[in-house]
Amino acid sequence: MNLNVELFDICYFLGGFILAAIIFSIYCLKLKKEIRITKRQYEKKSIGADDSALRVKTLENKIETLEAALKKQMGN
């Protein structure tokens, strides 16, 4: 009788341990997926910010060119 109770306790403990390991693994996989998604979003925003800065720089250069051309025409 005592052996059956101990065996039951061991099986119960191992079952709980395995279940906890499975739940923890699922949680870790979900967390890794969220991290990957967040990294992608950050990279897209970073690229967009770089792209916006490049557009502003291009427009500033165009304005400078037009101002120089206008001054040249005003001088003639």
Protein backbone atom coordinates (compact mmCIF):
# COMPACT_ATOMS: atom_id res chain seq x y z
CA MET A 1 0.00 0.00 0.00
CA ASN A 2 2.76 2.42 0.90
CA LEU A 3 4.60 1.71 -2.40
CA ASN A 4 1.49 2.53 -4.43
CA VAL A 5 1.10 5.89 -2.69
CA GLU A 6 4.76 6.77 -3.27
CA LEU A 7 4.53 5.73 -6.91
CA PHE A 8 1.39 7.81 -7.30
CA ASP A 9 3.13 10.81 -5.71
CA ILE A 10 6.12 10.44 -8.03
CA CYS A 11 3.91 10.15 -11.11
CA TYR A 12 1.83 13.12 -9.98
CA PHE A 13 4.98 15.20 -9.43
CA LEU A 14 6.46 14.25 -12.80
CA GLY A 15 3.17 14.96 -14.56
CA GLY A 16 2.99 18.40 -12.99
CA PHE A 17 6.61 19.08 -13.86
CA ILE A 18 6.08 18.07 -17.49
CA LEU A 19 2.91 20.15 -17.74
CA ALA A 20 4.72 23.19 -16.30
CA ALA A 21 7.55 22.68 -18.81
CA ILE A 22 5.08 22.53 -21.70
CA ILE A 23 3.28 25.69 -20.57
CA PHE A 24 6.60 27.49 -20.11
CA SER A 25 7.76 26.42 -23.58
CA ILE A 26 4.55 27.70 -25.17
CA TYR A 27 4.97 31.00 -23.32
CA CYS A 28 8.60 31.32 -24.49
CA LEU A 29 7.64 30.62 -28.11
CA LYS A 30 4.90 33.24 -27.95
CA LEU A 31 7.30 35.75 -26.41
CA LYS A 32 9.92 35.10 -29.12
CA LYS A 33 7.29 35.65 -31.81
CA GLU A 34 6.27 38.96 -30.25
CA ILE A 35 9.92 40.03 -30.06
CA ARG A 36 10.40 39.25 -33.76
CA ILE A 37 7.27 41.25 -34.66
CA THR A 38 8.41 44.19 -32.54
CA LYS A 39 11.86 44.13 -34.17
CA ARG A 40 10.29 44.19 -37.64
CA GLN A 41 8.10 47.14 -36.69
CA TYR A 42 11.10 48.99 -35.27
CA GLU A 43 13.13 48.33 -38.42
CA LYS A 44 10.28 49.58 -40.62
CA LYS A 45 9.96 52.75 -38.54
CA SER A 46 13.71 53.25 -38.61
CA ILE A 47 13.82 52.87 -42.39
CA GLY A 48 10.86 55.23 -42.70
CA ALA A 49 12.62 57.82 -40.54
CA ASP A 50 15.77 57.54 -42.64
CA ASP A 51 13.67 57.85 -45.78
CA SER A 52 11.94 60.96 -44.42
CA ALA A 53 15.28 62.55 -43.52
CA LEU A 54 16.55 61.82 -47.02
CA ARG A 55 13.44 63.40 -48.56
CA VAL A 56 13.89 66.54 -46.46
CA LYS A 57 17.55 66.78 -47.47
CA THR A 58 16.61 66.38 -51.15
CA LEU A 59 13.96 69.10 -50.91
CA GLU A 60 16.39 71.44 -49.15
CA ASN A 61 18.89 70.93 -51.97
CA LYS A 62 16.21 71.65 -54.58
CA ILE A 63 15.21 74.83 -52.76
CA GLU A 64 18.82 75.99 -52.62
CA THR A 65 19.20 75.33 -56.35
CA LEU A 66 16.03 77.24 -57.16
CA GLU A 67 17.06 80.14 -54.92
CA ALA A 68 20.44 80.31 -56.66
CA ALA A 69 18.77 80.25 -60.08
CA LEU A 70 16.30 82.98 -58.98
CA LYS A 71 19.12 85.19 -57.69
CA LYS A 72 21.00 84.70 -60.93
CA GLN A 73 17.93 85.69 -62.96
CA MET A 74 17.22 88.68 -60.72
CA GLY A 75 20.77 89.84 -61.25
CA ASN A 76 20.41 89.80 -65.05
